[in-house]
Amino acid sequence: MAIASSITMPNGHKELTRRDMLAGLSFSGAALVLPHAVLSGDFSADRMHLSDNDPEDHHIHPVLKLPFVRDASAFERTAGAAPRSFWTVYPSGDFIADCTVGAGYAEAALDYMVAANAPEILSWAVFDMMRLPRMRSGVEVGFLSAFGRLALQSHAAGLSARAGGAA
């Protein structure tokens, strides 16, 4: 069972958003340098080499292994996009198949959230989901429904959000 911990915002900020925090950071290291008080997981040791033979020493953060997370291109960043998107999906148009894909994304997200002690992944995905200029698809429905089912099961088992802390 994972237990969530409260996230304390720096300097008493109550309305500080992820985008505000990331705005002044370089895109390649944003998730690696945020203070521990902002991210509940310690990502400082989570860098992986793409290749030991790579002279440019590129690094990829493990969160990018989630199928719905991607870094913005240089062009997108120049145009004002956030350095990292936590909801980049490509619905097929088949609602039922897309719901299955979304449920799989929720499972992958939950696995990552538990392994990295990073409950904020869910909120970041939902925040980016809300910014989409298109209609919601089965991918979003499947993703959120899977988390809803997990919440119902947890609550029915006697676990509550108050017992685990604020997410």
N, C-alpha and C. Protein backbone atom coordinates (compact mmCIF):
# COMPACT_ATOMS: atom_id res chain seq x y z
N MET A 1 0.84 -1.16 0.00
CA MET A 1 0.00 0.00 0.00
C MET A 1 0.89 1.24 0.00
N ALA A 2 0.61 2.16 -0.86
CA ALA A 2 1.35 3.42 -0.93
C ALA A 2 0.68 4.44 -0.02
N ILE A 3 1.49 5.21 0.66
CA ILE A 3 0.95 6.26 1.52
C ILE A 3 1.41 7.59 0.95
N ALA A 4 0.46 8.44 0.68
CA ALA A 4 0.78 9.76 0.12
C ALA A 4 1.27 10.68 1.23
N SER A 5 2.13 11.60 0.87
CA SER A 5 2.59 12.59 1.83
C SER A 5 2.20 13.98 1.33
N SER A 6 2.05 14.88 2.27
CA SER A 6 1.68 16.25 1.90
C SER A 6 2.81 16.90 1.12
N ILE A 7 2.43 17.75 0.19
CA ILE A 7 3.41 18.50 -0.58
C ILE A 7 3.36 19.94 -0.09
N THR A 8 4.48 20.44 0.37
CA THR A 8 4.56 21.79 0.87
C THR A 8 5.12 22.69 -0.21
N MET A 9 4.44 23.76 -0.51
CA MET A 9 4.91 24.70 -1.52
C MET A 9 5.93 25.64 -0.90
N PRO A 10 6.95 26.02 -1.67
CA PRO A 10 7.97 26.91 -1.13
C PRO A 10 7.42 28.29 -0.80
N ASN A 11 7.95 28.89 0.25
CA ASN A 11 7.61 30.26 0.66
C ASN A 11 6.12 30.49 0.84
N GLY A 12 5.38 29.47 1.25
CA GLY A 12 3.97 29.63 1.54
C GLY A 12 3.08 29.85 0.33
N HIS A 13 3.56 29.61 -0.90
CA HIS A 13 2.73 29.79 -2.09
C HIS A 13 1.63 28.73 -2.08
N LYS A 14 0.40 29.17 -2.25
CA LYS A 14 -0.71 28.23 -2.28
C LYS A 14 -1.19 28.01 -3.70
N GLU A 15 -0.96 28.93 -4.59
CA GLU A 15 -1.46 28.84 -5.95
C GLU A 15 -0.34 28.58 -6.96
N LEU A 16 0.79 28.11 -6.51
CA LEU A 16 1.92 27.85 -7.39
C LEU A 16 1.61 26.61 -8.22
N THR A 17 1.71 26.73 -9.52
CA THR A 17 1.42 25.60 -10.40
C THR A 17 2.71 24.97 -10.88
N ARG A 18 2.58 23.76 -11.42
CA ARG A 18 3.73 23.06 -11.99
C ARG A 18 4.37 23.90 -13.08
N ARG A 19 3.57 24.53 -13.91
CA ARG A 19 4.12 25.35 -14.99
C ARG A 19 4.90 26.55 -14.43
N ASP A 20 4.39 27.14 -13.33
CA ASP A 20 5.13 28.24 -12.69
C ASP A 20 6.50 27.76 -12.23
N MET A 21 6.52 26.58 -11.62
CA MET A 21 7.78 26.05 -11.10
C MET A 21 8.75 25.72 -12.22
N LEU A 22 8.22 25.20 -13.33
CA LEU A 22 9.08 24.77 -14.43
C LEU A 22 9.50 25.92 -15.34
N ALA A 23 8.81 27.06 -15.27
CA ALA A 23 9.04 28.16 -16.21
C ALA A 23 10.48 28.62 -16.26
N GLY A 24 11.15 28.69 -15.13
CA GLY A 24 12.50 29.21 -15.12
C GLY A 24 13.58 28.15 -15.26
N LEU A 25 13.18 26.90 -15.42
CA LEU A 25 14.16 25.82 -15.49
C LEU A 25 14.40 25.37 -16.92
N SER A 26 15.59 24.85 -17.19
CA SER A 26 15.83 24.29 -18.52
C SER A 26 14.99 23.03 -18.66
N PHE A 27 14.53 22.74 -19.85
CA PHE A 27 13.61 21.63 -20.03
C PHE A 27 14.24 20.29 -19.71
N SER A 28 15.53 20.12 -19.97
CA SER A 28 16.13 18.81 -19.83
C SER A 28 16.32 18.40 -18.37
N GLY A 29 16.39 19.34 -17.48
CA GLY A 29 16.63 18.99 -16.10
C GLY A 29 15.53 19.41 -15.16
N ALA A 30 14.40 19.87 -15.68
CA ALA A 30 13.35 20.43 -14.82
C ALA A 30 12.91 19.45 -13.75
N ALA A 31 12.63 18.22 -14.11
CA ALA A 31 12.15 17.26 -13.14
C ALA A 31 13.25 16.80 -12.21
N LEU A 32 14.48 17.08 -12.55
CA LEU A 32 15.59 16.63 -11.73
C LEU A 32 16.01 17.63 -10.68
N VAL A 33 15.67 18.90 -10.86
CA VAL A 33 16.18 19.92 -9.96
C VAL A 33 15.13 20.59 -9.08
N LEU A 34 13.87 20.23 -9.22
CA LEU A 34 12.86 20.82 -8.35
C LEU A 34 13.15 20.40 -6.92
N PRO A 35 12.91 21.26 -5.94
CA PRO A 35 13.20 20.93 -4.55
C PRO A 35 12.36 19.76 -4.07
N HIS A 36 12.92 19.02 -3.14
CA HIS A 36 12.24 17.85 -2.59
C HIS A 36 10.87 18.21 -2.01
N ALA A 37 10.73 19.39 -1.47
CA ALA A 37 9.45 19.80 -0.89
C ALA A 37 8.37 19.93 -1.94
N VAL A 38 8.74 20.16 -3.19
CA VAL A 38 7.76 20.32 -4.25
C VAL A 38 7.40 18.97 -4.86
N LEU A 39 8.39 18.12 -5.05
CA LEU A 39 8.13 16.78 -5.55
C LEU A 39 8.29 15.82 -4.39
N SER A 40 7.33 14.93 -4.18
CA SER A 40 7.45 14.02 -3.05
C SER A 40 8.48 12.94 -3.30
N GLY A 41 8.79 12.65 -4.55
CA GLY A 41 9.81 11.66 -4.86
C GLY A 41 11.14 12.33 -5.09
N ASP A 42 12.22 11.65 -4.77
CA ASP A 42 13.56 12.18 -5.00
C ASP A 42 14.04 11.65 -6.34
N PHE A 43 14.00 12.51 -7.37
CA PHE A 43 14.36 12.10 -8.71
C PHE A 43 15.82 12.34 -9.02
N SER A 44 16.61 12.83 -8.08
CA SER A 44 17.98 13.24 -8.38
C SER A 44 18.83 12.08 -8.89
N ALA A 45 18.53 10.86 -8.49
CA ALA A 45 19.34 9.73 -8.93
C ALA A 45 18.68 8.97 -10.07
N ASP A 46 17.61 9.51 -10.64
CA ASP A 46 16.84 8.79 -11.64
C ASP A 46 17.26 9.05 -13.07
N ARG A 47 18.43 9.61 -13.29
CA ARG A 47 18.85 9.87 -14.66
C ARG A 47 19.44 8.60 -15.26
N MET A 48 19.18 8.38 -16.52
CA MET A 48 19.70 7.20 -17.19
C MET A 48 20.41 7.64 -18.46
N HIS A 49 21.51 6.99 -18.77
CA HIS A 49 22.22 7.30 -20.00
C HIS A 49 21.55 6.60 -21.17
N LEU A 50 21.37 7.33 -22.26
CA LEU A 50 20.86 6.71 -23.47
C LEU A 50 21.92 5.79 -24.04
N SER A 51 23.15 6.21 -23.97
CA SER A 51 24.26 5.42 -24.49
C SER A 51 25.53 5.84 -23.78
N ASP A 52 26.30 4.85 -23.32
CA ASP A 52 27.56 5.17 -22.68
C ASP A 52 28.57 5.72 -23.67
N ASN A 53 28.34 5.49 -24.96
CA ASN A 53 29.25 5.97 -26.00
C ASN A 53 28.84 7.32 -26.57
N ASP A 54 27.80 7.92 -26.04
CA ASP A 54 27.29 9.18 -26.56
C ASP A 54 28.16 10.33 -26.06
N PRO A 55 28.91 10.98 -26.95
CA PRO A 55 29.78 12.06 -26.50
C PRO A 55 29.03 13.27 -25.96
N GLU A 56 27.76 13.44 -26.33
CA GLU A 56 26.98 14.59 -25.85
C GLU A 56 26.37 14.34 -24.48
N ASP A 57 26.50 13.10 -23.97
CA ASP A 57 26.05 12.77 -22.63
C ASP A 57 24.59 13.13 -22.41
N HIS A 58 23.69 12.68 -23.31
CA HIS A 58 22.25 12.93 -23.17
C HIS A 58 21.70 12.12 -22.01
N HIS A 59 20.69 12.65 -21.36
CA HIS A 59 20.02 11.96 -20.27
C HIS A 59 18.53 11.94 -20.55
N ILE A 60 17.91 10.87 -20.11
CA ILE A 60 16.45 10.77 -20.23
C ILE A 60 15.91 10.43 -18.85
N HIS A 61 14.87 11.13 -18.45
CA HIS A 61 14.26 10.88 -17.16
C HIS A 61 13.31 9.68 -17.28
N PRO A 62 13.28 8.80 -16.28
CA PRO A 62 12.42 7.62 -16.35
C PRO A 62 10.93 7.94 -16.56
N VAL A 63 10.47 9.13 -16.16
CA VAL A 63 9.06 9.46 -16.35
C VAL A 63 8.71 9.48 -17.85
N LEU A 64 9.70 9.69 -18.69
CA LEU A 64 9.46 9.71 -20.14
C LEU A 64 9.14 8.32 -20.70
N LYS A 65 9.29 7.30 -19.88
CA LYS A 65 8.90 5.95 -20.30
C LYS A 65 7.39 5.77 -20.24
N LEU A 66 6.71 6.66 -19.51
CA LEU A 66 5.25 6.59 -19.50
C LEU A 66 4.76 6.93 -20.91
N PRO A 67 3.81 6.17 -21.44
CA PRO A 67 3.41 6.35 -22.84
C PRO A 67 2.73 7.68 -23.15
N PHE A 68 2.30 8.40 -22.15
CA PHE A 68 1.59 9.67 -22.38
C PHE A 68 2.43 10.89 -22.03
N VAL A 69 3.69 10.71 -21.65
CA VAL A 69 4.58 11.81 -21.27
C VAL A 69 5.62 12.01 -22.36
N ARG A 70 5.86 13.27 -22.71
CA ARG A 70 6.92 13.57 -23.68
C ARG A 70 7.45 14.97 -23.44
N ASP A 71 8.72 15.16 -23.82
CA ASP A 71 9.32 16.48 -23.76
C ASP A 71 8.94 17.26 -25.02
N ALA A 72 8.75 18.54 -24.86
CA ALA A 72 8.43 19.41 -26.00
C ALA A 72 9.66 19.56 -26.87
N SER A 73 9.44 19.74 -28.14
CA SER A 73 10.54 19.98 -29.08
C SER A 73 11.05 21.41 -28.88
N ALA A 74 12.21 21.68 -29.43
CA ALA A 74 12.77 23.04 -29.34
C ALA A 74 11.81 24.04 -29.97
N PHE A 75 11.19 23.66 -31.08
CA PHE A 75 10.23 24.55 -31.75
C PHE A 75 9.03 24.83 -30.84
N GLU A 76 8.50 23.79 -30.21
CA GLU A 76 7.35 23.96 -29.32
C GLU A 76 7.71 24.84 -28.11
N ARG A 77 8.89 24.65 -27.56
CA ARG A 77 9.31 25.48 -26.43
C ARG A 77 9.46 26.94 -26.85
N THR A 78 10.01 27.16 -28.06
CA THR A 78 10.15 28.52 -28.57
C THR A 78 8.77 29.18 -28.73
N ALA A 79 7.78 28.38 -29.08
CA ALA A 79 6.42 28.88 -29.26
C ALA A 79 5.68 29.05 -27.93
N GLY A 80 6.33 28.72 -26.81
CA GLY A 80 5.72 28.94 -25.51
C GLY A 80 5.18 27.71 -24.82
N ALA A 81 5.43 26.54 -25.39
CA ALA A 81 4.94 25.31 -24.76
C ALA A 81 5.73 25.00 -23.49
N ALA A 82 5.10 24.28 -22.59
CA ALA A 82 5.79 23.82 -21.38
C ALA A 82 6.89 22.85 -21.78
N PRO A 83 7.94 22.78 -21.00
CA PRO A 83 9.06 21.89 -21.34
C PRO A 83 8.66 20.42 -21.44
N ARG A 84 7.69 20.00 -20.65
CA ARG A 84 7.29 18.59 -20.66
C ARG A 84 5.77 18.53 -20.62
N SER A 85 5.21 17.66 -21.44
CA SER A 85 3.76 17.43 -21.44
C SER A 85 3.49 16.12 -20.73
N PHE A 86 2.55 16.15 -19.80
CA PHE A 86 2.18 14.94 -19.07
C PHE A 86 0.88 14.34 -19.61
N TRP A 87 0.43 14.83 -20.77
CA TRP A 87 -0.72 14.19 -21.43
C TRP A 87 -0.63 14.42 -22.93
N THR A 88 0.08 13.54 -23.58
CA THR A 88 0.17 13.55 -25.04
C THR A 88 -0.30 12.18 -25.51
N VAL A 89 -1.51 12.14 -26.03
CA VAL A 89 -2.09 10.88 -26.47
C VAL A 89 -2.63 11.04 -27.89
N TYR A 90 -2.78 9.92 -28.55
CA TYR A 90 -3.26 9.92 -29.94
C TYR A 90 -4.41 8.93 -30.06
N PRO A 91 -5.64 9.38 -29.79
CA PRO A 91 -6.80 8.48 -29.86
C PRO A 91 -6.99 7.93 -31.27
N SER A 92 -7.46 6.68 -31.32
CA SER A 92 -7.69 6.02 -32.61
C SER A 92 -9.04 6.38 -33.20
N GLY A 93 -9.96 6.85 -32.35
CA GLY A 93 -11.32 7.11 -32.80
C GLY A 93 -12.26 5.98 -32.44
N ASP A 94 -11.71 4.82 -32.08
CA ASP A 94 -12.51 3.68 -31.61
C ASP A 94 -12.62 3.83 -30.10
N PHE A 95 -13.79 4.28 -29.64
CA PHE A 95 -13.97 4.64 -28.23
C PHE A 95 -13.61 3.49 -27.29
N ILE A 96 -14.10 2.29 -27.58
CA ILE A 96 -13.85 1.15 -26.69
C ILE A 96 -12.36 0.81 -26.65
N ALA A 97 -11.71 0.78 -27.79
CA ALA A 97 -10.27 0.49 -27.83
C ALA A 97 -9.49 1.59 -27.11
N ASP A 98 -9.91 2.84 -27.29
CA ASP A 98 -9.24 3.95 -26.63
C ASP A 98 -9.42 3.88 -25.11
N CYS A 99 -10.59 3.44 -24.64
CA CYS A 99 -10.80 3.27 -23.19
C CYS A 99 -9.84 2.22 -22.64
N THR A 100 -9.62 1.16 -23.39
CA THR A 100 -8.67 0.12 -22.97
C THR A 100 -7.25 0.68 -22.91
N VAL A 101 -6.90 1.49 -23.90
CA VAL A 101 -5.57 2.12 -23.90
C VAL A 101 -5.44 3.04 -22.69
N GLY A 102 -6.45 3.84 -22.42
CA GLY A 102 -6.42 4.76 -21.28
C GLY A 102 -6.28 4.02 -19.96
N ALA A 103 -6.97 2.89 -19.80
CA ALA A 103 -6.86 2.09 -18.59
C ALA A 103 -5.43 1.54 -18.45
N GLY A 104 -4.84 1.15 -19.57
CA GLY A 104 -3.44 0.70 -19.54
C GLY A 104 -2.50 1.82 -19.15
N TYR A 105 -2.78 3.03 -19.62
CA TYR A 105 -1.97 4.19 -19.24
C TYR A 105 -2.09 4.45 -17.73
N ALA A 106 -3.29 4.27 -17.19
CA ALA A 106 -3.49 4.45 -15.75
C ALA A 106 -2.67 3.43 -14.97
N GLU A 107 -2.65 2.21 -15.43
CA GLU A 107 -1.86 1.16 -14.77
C GLU A 107 -0.37 1.50 -14.80
N ALA A 108 0.10 1.95 -15.95
CA ALA A 108 1.51 2.35 -16.07
C ALA A 108 1.81 3.54 -15.16
N ALA A 109 0.88 4.50 -15.11
CA ALA A 109 1.07 5.67 -14.25
C ALA A 109 1.12 5.26 -12.79
N LEU A 110 0.23 4.39 -12.39
CA LEU A 110 0.20 3.95 -10.99
C LEU A 110 1.47 3.20 -10.63
N ASP A 111 1.95 2.34 -11.53
CA ASP A 111 3.21 1.63 -11.28
C ASP A 111 4.34 2.62 -11.07
N TYR A 112 4.41 3.64 -11.92
CA TYR A 112 5.46 4.64 -11.80
C TYR A 112 5.29 5.45 -10.52
N MET A 113 4.06 5.86 -10.23
CA MET A 113 3.79 6.68 -9.06
C MET A 113 4.21 5.97 -7.77
N VAL A 114 3.96 4.67 -7.69
CA VAL A 114 4.34 3.91 -6.51
C VAL A 114 5.86 3.74 -6.46
N ALA A 115 6.46 3.36 -7.58
CA ALA A 115 7.91 3.12 -7.60
C ALA A 115 8.71 4.39 -7.29
N ALA A 116 8.24 5.53 -7.77
CA ALA A 116 8.97 6.80 -7.61
C ALA A 116 8.42 7.65 -6.46
N ASN A 117 7.39 7.14 -5.76
CA ASN A 117 6.71 7.92 -4.72
C ASN A 117 6.35 9.29 -5.28
N ALA A 118 5.66 9.28 -6.41
CA ALA A 118 5.36 10.50 -7.15
C ALA A 118 3.87 10.63 -7.44
N PRO A 119 3.04 10.91 -6.42
CA PRO A 119 1.61 11.02 -6.67
C PRO A 119 1.24 12.19 -7.57
N GLU A 120 2.14 13.16 -7.70
CA GLU A 120 1.86 14.34 -8.51
C GLU A 120 1.70 14.02 -10.00
N ILE A 121 2.15 12.87 -10.44
CA ILE A 121 2.01 12.48 -11.85
C ILE A 121 0.55 12.51 -12.26
N LEU A 122 -0.34 12.03 -11.41
CA LEU A 122 -1.77 12.03 -11.73
C LEU A 122 -2.28 13.45 -11.91
N SER A 123 -1.97 14.34 -11.00
CA SER A 123 -2.49 15.70 -11.13
C SER A 123 -1.90 16.40 -12.34
N TRP A 124 -0.61 16.18 -12.61
CA TRP A 124 0.00 16.81 -13.78
C TRP A 124 -0.65 16.30 -15.07
N ALA A 125 -0.96 15.00 -15.12
CA ALA A 125 -1.64 14.45 -16.31
C ALA A 125 -3.02 15.08 -16.47
N VAL A 126 -3.75 15.19 -15.38
CA VAL A 126 -5.10 15.77 -15.46
C VAL A 126 -5.04 17.25 -15.84
N PHE A 127 -4.08 18.00 -15.26
CA PHE A 127 -3.95 19.42 -15.62
C PHE A 127 -3.68 19.57 -17.11
N ASP A 128 -2.78 18.75 -17.65
CA ASP A 128 -2.48 18.84 -19.08
C ASP A 128 -3.65 18.34 -19.91
N MET A 129 -4.39 17.36 -19.41
CA MET A 129 -5.57 16.85 -20.09
C MET A 129 -6.62 17.96 -20.24
N MET A 130 -6.77 18.77 -19.19
CA MET A 130 -7.78 19.85 -19.21
C MET A 130 -7.43 20.94 -20.21
N ARG A 131 -6.17 21.05 -20.58
CA ARG A 131 -5.75 22.10 -21.50
C ARG A 131 -5.92 21.70 -22.98
N LEU A 132 -6.33 20.47 -23.22
CA LEU A 132 -6.45 20.01 -24.61
C LEU A 132 -7.50 20.82 -25.36
N PRO A 133 -7.17 21.21 -26.60
CA PRO A 133 -8.14 21.97 -27.38
C PRO A 133 -9.18 21.09 -28.06
N ARG A 134 -9.07 19.78 -27.91
CA ARG A 134 -10.00 18.86 -28.59
C ARG A 134 -10.98 18.24 -27.59
N MET A 135 -11.99 17.59 -28.11
CA MET A 135 -12.94 16.87 -27.27
C MET A 135 -12.23 15.71 -26.60
N ARG A 136 -12.72 15.31 -25.46
CA ARG A 136 -12.13 14.19 -24.75
C ARG A 136 -12.42 12.90 -25.52
N SER A 137 -11.51 11.96 -25.39
CA SER A 137 -11.65 10.69 -26.10
C SER A 137 -11.76 9.56 -25.09
N GLY A 138 -11.86 8.35 -25.59
CA GLY A 138 -11.88 7.17 -24.73
C GLY A 138 -10.60 7.01 -23.94
N VAL A 139 -9.48 7.56 -24.43
CA VAL A 139 -8.22 7.45 -23.70
C VAL A 139 -8.36 8.17 -22.36
N GLU A 140 -8.89 9.38 -22.36
CA GLU A 140 -9.10 10.11 -21.12
C GLU A 140 -10.13 9.41 -20.23
N VAL A 141 -11.21 8.94 -20.84
CA VAL A 141 -12.26 8.26 -20.08
C VAL A 141 -11.70 7.00 -19.42
N GLY A 142 -10.96 6.20 -20.16
CA GLY A 142 -10.38 4.98 -19.60
C GLY A 142 -9.38 5.26 -18.50
N PHE A 143 -8.55 6.28 -18.70
CA PHE A 143 -7.54 6.66 -17.71
C PHE A 143 -8.20 7.09 -16.41
N LEU A 144 -9.12 8.03 -16.49
CA LEU A 144 -9.77 8.55 -15.29
C LEU A 144 -10.70 7.52 -14.65
N SER A 145 -11.36 6.70 -15.44
CA SER A 145 -12.23 5.66 -14.89
C SER A 145 -11.43 4.63 -14.11
N ALA A 146 -10.23 4.29 -14.60
CA ALA A 146 -9.38 3.34 -13.88
C ALA A 146 -8.99 3.90 -12.52
N PHE A 147 -8.62 5.17 -12.45
CA PHE A 147 -8.30 5.78 -11.16
C PHE A 147 -9.54 5.89 -10.28
N GLY A 148 -10.69 6.15 -10.88
CA GLY A 148 -11.93 6.18 -10.11
C GLY A 148 -12.24 4.83 -9.49
N ARG A 149 -12.07 3.75 -10.26
CA ARG A 149 -12.30 2.41 -9.73
C ARG A 149 -11.34 2.12 -8.57
N LEU A 150 -10.09 2.51 -8.73
CA LEU A 150 -9.11 2.29 -7.65
C LEU A 150 -9.49 3.07 -6.39
N ALA A 151 -9.98 4.29 -6.57
CA ALA A 151 -10.40 5.10 -5.42
C ALA A 151 -11.59 4.44 -4.72
N LEU A 152 -12.55 3.93 -5.48
CA LEU A 152 -13.70 3.25 -4.88
C LEU A 152 -13.26 2.01 -4.11
N GLN A 153 -12.37 1.21 -4.70
CA GLN A 153 -11.89 0.01 -4.02
C GLN A 153 -11.14 0.36 -2.74
N SER A 154 -10.33 1.38 -2.80
CA SER A 154 -9.56 1.81 -1.64
C SER A 154 -10.50 2.29 -0.53
N HIS A 155 -11.48 3.07 -0.91
CA HIS A 155 -12.43 3.59 0.08
C HIS A 155 -13.25 2.46 0.69
N ALA A 156 -13.69 1.52 -0.15
CA ALA A 156 -14.46 0.38 0.34
C ALA A 156 -13.64 -0.49 1.29
N ALA A 157 -12.32 -0.50 1.10
CA ALA A 157 -11.43 -1.28 1.97
C ALA A 157 -11.13 -0.54 3.27
N GLY A 158 -11.71 0.64 3.45
CA GLY A 158 -11.53 1.38 4.68
C GLY A 158 -10.37 2.37 4.65
N LEU A 159 -9.75 2.55 3.51
CA LEU A 159 -8.67 3.52 3.39
C LEU A 159 -9.28 4.85 2.97
N SER A 160 -8.75 5.93 3.49
CA SER A 160 -9.28 7.24 3.11
C SER A 160 -8.15 8.18 2.73
N ALA A 161 -8.47 9.23 2.01
CA ALA A 161 -7.48 10.24 1.64
C ALA A 161 -6.93 10.92 2.87
N ARG A 162 -7.75 11.11 3.89
CA ARG A 162 -7.28 11.74 5.13
C ARG A 162 -6.24 10.90 5.83
N ALA A 163 -6.39 9.59 5.78
CA ALA A 163 -5.44 8.70 6.45
C ALA A 163 -4.09 8.70 5.74
N GLY A 164 -4.11 8.88 4.42
CA GLY A 164 -2.87 8.83 3.65
C GLY A 164 -2.22 10.17 3.43
N GLY A 165 -2.86 11.24 3.76
CA GLY A 165 -2.31 12.57 3.53
C GLY A 165 -2.87 13.19 2.26
N ALA A 166 -2.60 14.45 2.09
CA ALA A 166 -3.09 15.18 0.91
C ALA A 166 -2.21 14.86 -0.27
N ALA A 167 -2.80 14.70 -1.41
CA ALA A 167 -2.04 14.42 -2.63
C ALA A 167 -1.87 15.68 -3.41
